[in-house]
């Protein structure tokens, strides 16, 4: 498990390539900043990497704002596409 800034957690990404991890951190950080700018009670963002069908990546995103927790899941063959889709869907829900 990787923690970014205390309120962002990445789970399942520790075995990824260093260059991939840098891009993942930037994408997650950008969405976390957008959520915290829109919601003053933003508490945490958790992103977990799983494996969907063979050759695809499943991303589970969970955001806690105040006492409310919202989740979204997306999967795609490309890690970054799956990550963006999961976080974009989460943004629409919060």
C-alpha atoms as a PDB file:
ATOM      1  CA  UNK A   1       0.000   0.000   0.000  1.00  0.00           C
ATOM      2  CA  UNK A   2       1.289   3.440  -0.962  1.00  0.00           C
ATOM      3  CA  UNK A   3       0.190   6.637   0.777  1.00  0.00           C
ATOM      4  CA  UNK A   4       0.305  10.001  -0.957  1.00  0.00           C
ATOM      5  CA  UNK A   5      -0.084  13.100   1.176  1.00  0.00           C
ATOM      6  CA  UNK A   6      -1.897  11.344   4.014  1.00  0.00           C
ATOM      7  CA  UNK A   7      -5.371  11.309   2.485  1.00  0.00           C
ATOM      8  CA  UNK A   8      -4.661   9.374  -0.738  1.00  0.00           C
ATOM      9  CA  UNK A   9      -4.014   5.626  -0.709  1.00  0.00           C
ATOM     10  CA  UNK A  10      -2.941   3.408  -3.609  1.00  0.00           C
ATOM     11  CA  UNK A  11      -3.400  -0.330  -3.123  1.00  0.00           C
ATOM     12  CA  UNK A  12      -2.011  -2.983  -5.459  1.00  0.00           C
ATOM     13  CA  UNK A  13       0.343  -0.643  -7.309  1.00  0.00           C
ATOM     14  CA  UNK A  14       3.583  -1.510  -5.498  1.00  0.00           C
ATOM     15  CA  UNK A  15       4.635  -4.065  -8.125  1.00  0.00           C
ATOM     16  CA  UNK A  16       4.195  -1.642 -11.035  1.00  0.00           C
ATOM     17  CA  UNK A  17       7.024  -0.144 -13.058  1.00  0.00           C
ATOM     18  CA  UNK A  18       8.463   3.093 -11.622  1.00  0.00           C
ATOM     19  CA  UNK A  19       7.532   5.162 -14.679  1.00  0.00           C
ATOM     20  CA  UNK A  20       3.948   3.839 -14.609  1.00  0.00           C
ATOM     21  CA  UNK A  21       3.710   4.652 -10.922  1.00  0.00           C
ATOM     22  CA  UNK A  22       4.724   8.270 -11.534  1.00  0.00           C
ATOM     23  CA  UNK A  23       1.908   8.701 -14.068  1.00  0.00           C
ATOM     24  CA  UNK A  24      -0.579   6.959 -11.740  1.00  0.00           C
ATOM     25  CA  UNK A  25       0.355   9.328  -8.902  1.00  0.00           C
ATOM     26  CA  UNK A  26      -0.098  12.370 -11.142  1.00  0.00           C
ATOM     27  CA  UNK A  27      -3.520  11.223 -12.388  1.00  0.00           C
ATOM     28  CA  UNK A  28      -4.766  10.345  -8.884  1.00  0.00           C
ATOM     29  CA  UNK A  29      -3.342  13.566  -7.432  1.00  0.00           C
ATOM     30  CA  UNK A  30      -5.074  15.670 -10.084  1.00  0.00           C
ATOM     31  CA  UNK A  31      -8.472  14.091  -9.336  1.00  0.00           C
ATOM     32  CA  UNK A  32      -7.926  14.343  -5.567  1.00  0.00           C
ATOM     33  CA  UNK A  33      -7.178  18.056  -5.948  1.00  0.00           C
ATOM     34  CA  UNK A  34     -10.341  18.569  -8.014  1.00  0.00           C
ATOM     35  CA  UNK A  35     -12.471  16.734  -5.454  1.00  0.00           C
ATOM     36  CA  UNK A  36     -10.969  18.642  -2.517  1.00  0.00           C
ATOM     37  CA  UNK A  37     -11.483  21.959  -4.339  1.00  0.00           C
ATOM     38  CA  UNK A  38     -15.174  21.147  -4.885  1.00  0.00           C
ATOM     39  CA  UNK A  39     -15.880  19.604  -1.466  1.00  0.00           C
ATOM     40  CA  UNK A  40     -14.532  21.232   1.688  1.00  0.00           C
ATOM     41  CA  UNK A  41     -15.227  18.084   3.750  1.00  0.00           C
ATOM     42  CA  UNK A  42     -13.030  15.849   1.535  1.00  0.00           C
ATOM     43  CA  UNK A  43     -11.378  13.248   3.768  1.00  0.00           C
ATOM     44  CA  UNK A  44      -9.796  10.522   1.661  1.00  0.00           C
ATOM     45  CA  UNK A  45      -9.379   8.922  -1.735  1.00  0.00           C
ATOM     46  CA  UNK A  46      -8.518   5.233  -2.041  1.00  0.00           C
ATOM     47  CA  UNK A  47      -7.621   3.618  -5.353  1.00  0.00           C
ATOM     48  CA  UNK A  48      -7.114  -0.142  -5.668  1.00  0.00           C
ATOM     49  CA  UNK A  49      -5.725  -2.025  -8.655  1.00  0.00           C
ATOM     50  CA  UNK A  50      -7.116  -5.457  -9.380  1.00  0.00           C
ATOM     51  CA  UNK A  51      -7.126  -7.737 -12.366  1.00  0.00           C
ATOM     52  CA  UNK A  52     -10.296  -8.136 -14.347  1.00  0.00           C
ATOM     53  CA  UNK A  53     -10.446 -10.388 -17.335  1.00  0.00           C
ATOM     54  CA  UNK A  54      -7.105 -11.669 -18.639  1.00  0.00           C
ATOM     55  CA  UNK A  55      -5.119  -8.754 -20.021  1.00  0.00           C
ATOM     56  CA  UNK A  56      -7.259  -6.065 -18.387  1.00  0.00           C
ATOM     57  CA  UNK A  57      -6.926  -3.874 -15.324  1.00  0.00           C
ATOM     58  CA  UNK A  58      -9.747  -3.265 -12.863  1.00  0.00           C
ATOM     59  CA  UNK A  59      -9.683  -0.097 -10.774  1.00  0.00           C
ATOM     60  CA  UNK A  60     -11.783   0.406  -7.635  1.00  0.00           C
ATOM     61  CA  UNK A  61     -11.966   4.033  -6.449  1.00  0.00           C
ATOM     62  CA  UNK A  62     -13.455   5.125  -3.135  1.00  0.00           C
ATOM     63  CA  UNK A  63     -13.885   8.685  -1.916  1.00  0.00           C
ATOM     64  CA  UNK A  64     -14.953   9.782   1.556  1.00  0.00           C
ATOM     65  CA  UNK A  65     -16.483  13.226   1.959  1.00  0.00           C
ATOM     66  CA  UNK A  66     -17.730  13.956   5.446  1.00  0.00           C
ATOM     67  CA  UNK A  67     -19.618  10.864   6.543  1.00  0.00           C
ATOM     68  CA  UNK A  68     -20.473   9.778   3.000  1.00  0.00           C
ATOM     69  CA  UNK A  69     -18.448   7.228   1.018  1.00  0.00           C
ATOM     70  CA  UNK A  70     -18.797   6.926  -2.757  1.00  0.00           C
ATOM     71  CA  UNK A  71     -17.303   4.177  -4.908  1.00  0.00           C
ATOM     72  CA  UNK A  72     -16.795   3.543  -8.606  1.00  0.00           C
ATOM     73  CA  UNK A  73     -15.208   0.738 -10.608  1.00  0.00           C
ATOM     74  CA  UNK A  74     -13.848   0.623 -14.144  1.00  0.00           C
ATOM     75  CA  UNK A  75     -11.761  -1.778 -16.185  1.00  0.00           C
ATOM     76  CA  UNK A  76      -9.835  -1.564 -19.429  1.00  0.00           C
ATOM     77  CA  UNK A  77      -6.851  -3.147 -21.124  1.00  0.00           C
ATOM     78  CA  UNK A  78      -4.805   0.005 -20.576  1.00  0.00           C
ATOM     79  CA  UNK A  79      -4.040   0.836 -16.937  1.00  0.00           C
ATOM     80  CA  UNK A  80      -4.270   4.592 -17.426  1.00  0.00           C
ATOM     81  CA  UNK A  81      -7.572   4.404 -19.319  1.00  0.00           C
ATOM     82  CA  UNK A  82      -9.067   2.273 -16.535  1.00  0.00           C
ATOM     83  CA  UNK A  83      -7.748   4.641 -13.856  1.00  0.00           C
ATOM     84  CA  UNK A  84      -9.086   7.728 -15.620  1.00  0.00           C
ATOM     85  CA  UNK A  85     -12.488   6.106 -16.214  1.00  0.00           C
ATOM     86  CA  UNK A  86     -12.819   5.033 -12.573  1.00  0.00           C
ATOM     87  CA  UNK A  87     -11.903   8.453 -11.217  1.00  0.00           C
ATOM     88  CA  UNK A  88     -13.967  10.349 -13.783  1.00  0.00           C
ATOM     89  CA  UNK A  89     -17.003   8.244 -12.837  1.00  0.00           C
ATOM     90  CA  UNK A  90     -16.291   8.891  -9.159  1.00  0.00           C
ATOM     91  CA  UNK A  91     -16.171  12.653  -9.819  1.00  0.00           C
ATOM     92  CA  UNK A  92     -19.628  12.484 -11.401  1.00  0.00           C
ATOM     93  CA  UNK A  93     -21.026  10.671  -8.363  1.00  0.00           C
ATOM     94  CA  UNK A  94     -19.653  13.006  -5.702  1.00  0.00           C
END
